[in-house]
C-alpha cells in the first residue's frame, strides 16, 4: 500500500498534479510527506492539512493507507 497525497486549488496548480503516492517506510510525519513530494520547496505558510479527512498539524504521524491532503488558506468575502 502507500500514503495518498492530494493537493487542492492553487497548490494543485503549483505542484502541477492533483496527487502523489508515497511509500510509508520513507516518511513518519506530514512534514516528511511534504518534503518527499515537494523537495526543497517549503510548505506555504497557513496551508491547511488533513490526515484521513481530519485537520492535522505538520508533526502528525502518518501510516500506510493514510490520505494526506494539503489546502491553501481559504478566505471569504
C-alpha atoms as a PDB file:
ATOM      1  CA  UNK A   1       0.000   0.000   0.000  1.00  0.00           C
ATOM      2  CA  UNK A   2       1.022   3.643   0.159  1.00  0.00           C
ATOM      3  CA  UNK A   3       0.160   7.048   1.569  1.00  0.00           C
ATOM      4  CA  UNK A   4      -2.065   9.006  -0.797  1.00  0.00           C
ATOM      5  CA  UNK A   5      -1.153  12.703  -1.036  1.00  0.00           C
ATOM      6  CA  UNK A   6      -3.685  15.147  -2.508  1.00  0.00           C
ATOM      7  CA  UNK A   7      -3.347  18.829  -3.450  1.00  0.00           C
ATOM      8  CA  UNK A   8      -6.209  21.288  -3.788  1.00  0.00           C
ATOM      9  CA  UNK A   9      -6.824  24.628  -5.535  1.00  0.00           C
ATOM     10  CA  UNK A  10      -3.672  26.719  -6.083  1.00  0.00           C
ATOM     11  CA  UNK A  11      -1.455  24.034  -4.519  1.00  0.00           C
ATOM     12  CA  UNK A  12      -2.564  21.628  -7.247  1.00  0.00           C
ATOM     13  CA  UNK A  13      -1.616  24.230  -9.853  1.00  0.00           C
ATOM     14  CA  UNK A  14       1.718  24.901  -8.143  1.00  0.00           C
ATOM     15  CA  UNK A  15       2.567  21.191  -7.919  1.00  0.00           C
ATOM     16  CA  UNK A  16       1.380  20.529 -11.469  1.00  0.00           C
ATOM     17  CA  UNK A  17      -0.630  17.480 -10.389  1.00  0.00           C
ATOM     18  CA  UNK A  18      -3.578  16.561  -8.209  1.00  0.00           C
ATOM     19  CA  UNK A  19      -1.996  13.775  -6.175  1.00  0.00           C
ATOM     20  CA  UNK A  20       1.004  11.600  -5.408  1.00  0.00           C
ATOM     21  CA  UNK A  21       1.693   8.356  -3.599  1.00  0.00           C
ATOM     22  CA  UNK A  22       4.460   7.966  -1.023  1.00  0.00           C
ATOM     23  CA  UNK A  23       5.861   4.719   0.323  1.00  0.00           C
ATOM     24  CA  UNK A  24       5.064   4.578   4.049  1.00  0.00           C
ATOM     25  CA  UNK A  25       8.540   3.398   5.090  1.00  0.00           C
ATOM     26  CA  UNK A  26      10.087   6.625   3.772  1.00  0.00           C
ATOM     27  CA  UNK A  27       8.078   9.019   5.964  1.00  0.00           C
ATOM     28  CA  UNK A  28       6.754   9.207   9.515  1.00  0.00           C
ATOM     29  CA  UNK A  29       5.086  12.653   9.664  1.00  0.00           C
ATOM     30  CA  UNK A  30       3.118  15.010   7.437  1.00  0.00           C
ATOM     31  CA  UNK A  31       6.169  17.283   7.244  1.00  0.00           C
ATOM     32  CA  UNK A  32       8.245  14.401   5.883  1.00  0.00           C
ATOM     33  CA  UNK A  33       5.495  13.638   3.355  1.00  0.00           C
ATOM     34  CA  UNK A  34       5.658  17.240   2.103  1.00  0.00           C
ATOM     35  CA  UNK A  35       9.465  17.169   1.845  1.00  0.00           C
ATOM     36  CA  UNK A  36       9.285  13.918  -0.113  1.00  0.00           C
ATOM     37  CA  UNK A  37       6.800  15.227  -2.683  1.00  0.00           C
ATOM     38  CA  UNK A  38       7.973  18.864  -2.881  1.00  0.00           C
ATOM     39  CA  UNK A  39      11.746  18.555  -2.484  1.00  0.00           C
ATOM     40  CA  UNK A  40      13.290  21.868  -1.482  1.00  0.00           C
ATOM     41  CA  UNK A  41      10.015  23.816  -1.752  1.00  0.00           C
ATOM     42  CA  UNK A  42       8.862  24.905   1.700  1.00  0.00           C
ATOM     43  CA  UNK A  43       5.292  24.214   2.760  1.00  0.00           C
ATOM     44  CA  UNK A  44       3.486  27.522   2.102  1.00  0.00           C
ATOM     45  CA  UNK A  45       2.504  29.476   5.202  1.00  0.00           C
ATOM     46  CA  UNK A  46      -1.011  28.894   6.517  1.00  0.00           C
ATOM     47  CA  UNK A  47      -1.505  25.735   4.479  1.00  0.00           C
ATOM     48  CA  UNK A  48      -4.290  23.613   5.909  1.00  0.00           C
ATOM     49  CA  UNK A  49      -3.507  19.928   6.348  1.00  0.00           C
ATOM     50  CA  UNK A  50      -5.850  16.991   6.752  1.00  0.00           C
ATOM     51  CA  UNK A  51      -4.996  13.380   7.517  1.00  0.00           C
ATOM     52  CA  UNK A  52      -7.830  10.990   6.738  1.00  0.00           C
ATOM     53  CA  UNK A  53     -10.236  13.957   6.418  1.00  0.00           C
ATOM     54  CA  UNK A  54      -9.412  15.408   9.842  1.00  0.00           C
ATOM     55  CA  UNK A  55      -7.401  18.592  10.349  1.00  0.00           C
ATOM     56  CA  UNK A  56      -3.829  17.926  11.411  1.00  0.00           C
ATOM     57  CA  UNK A  57      -0.513  19.645  12.082  1.00  0.00           C
ATOM     58  CA  UNK A  58       2.707  19.052  10.194  1.00  0.00           C
ATOM     59  CA  UNK A  59       4.044  16.886  13.038  1.00  0.00           C
ATOM     60  CA  UNK A  60       1.080  14.464  12.770  1.00  0.00           C
ATOM     61  CA  UNK A  61       2.200  10.844  12.387  1.00  0.00           C
ATOM     62  CA  UNK A  62       1.199   9.058   9.166  1.00  0.00           C
ATOM     63  CA  UNK A  63       0.836   5.375   8.390  1.00  0.00           C
ATOM     64  CA  UNK A  64       0.317   3.035   5.481  1.00  0.00           C
ATOM     65  CA  UNK A  65      -3.089   3.615   3.861  1.00  0.00           C
ATOM     66  CA  UNK A  66      -3.477   7.196   5.150  1.00  0.00           C
ATOM     67  CA  UNK A  67      -4.584  10.079   2.959  1.00  0.00           C
ATOM     68  CA  UNK A  68      -2.804  13.406   3.469  1.00  0.00           C
ATOM     69  CA  UNK A  69      -4.366  16.492   1.891  1.00  0.00           C
ATOM     70  CA  UNK A  70      -2.936  19.985   1.538  1.00  0.00           C
ATOM     71  CA  UNK A  71      -5.231  23.014   1.104  1.00  0.00           C
ATOM     72  CA  UNK A  72      -4.193  26.628   0.566  1.00  0.00           C
ATOM     73  CA  UNK A  73      -5.676  29.140   3.024  1.00  0.00           C
ATOM     74  CA  UNK A  74      -9.283  29.967   2.174  1.00  0.00           C
ATOM     75  CA  UNK A  75     -10.759  33.425   2.588  1.00  0.00           C
ATOM     76  CA  UNK A  76     -14.317  34.524   2.160  1.00  0.00           C
ATOM     77  CA  UNK A  77     -15.801  37.715   1.002  1.00  0.00           C
END
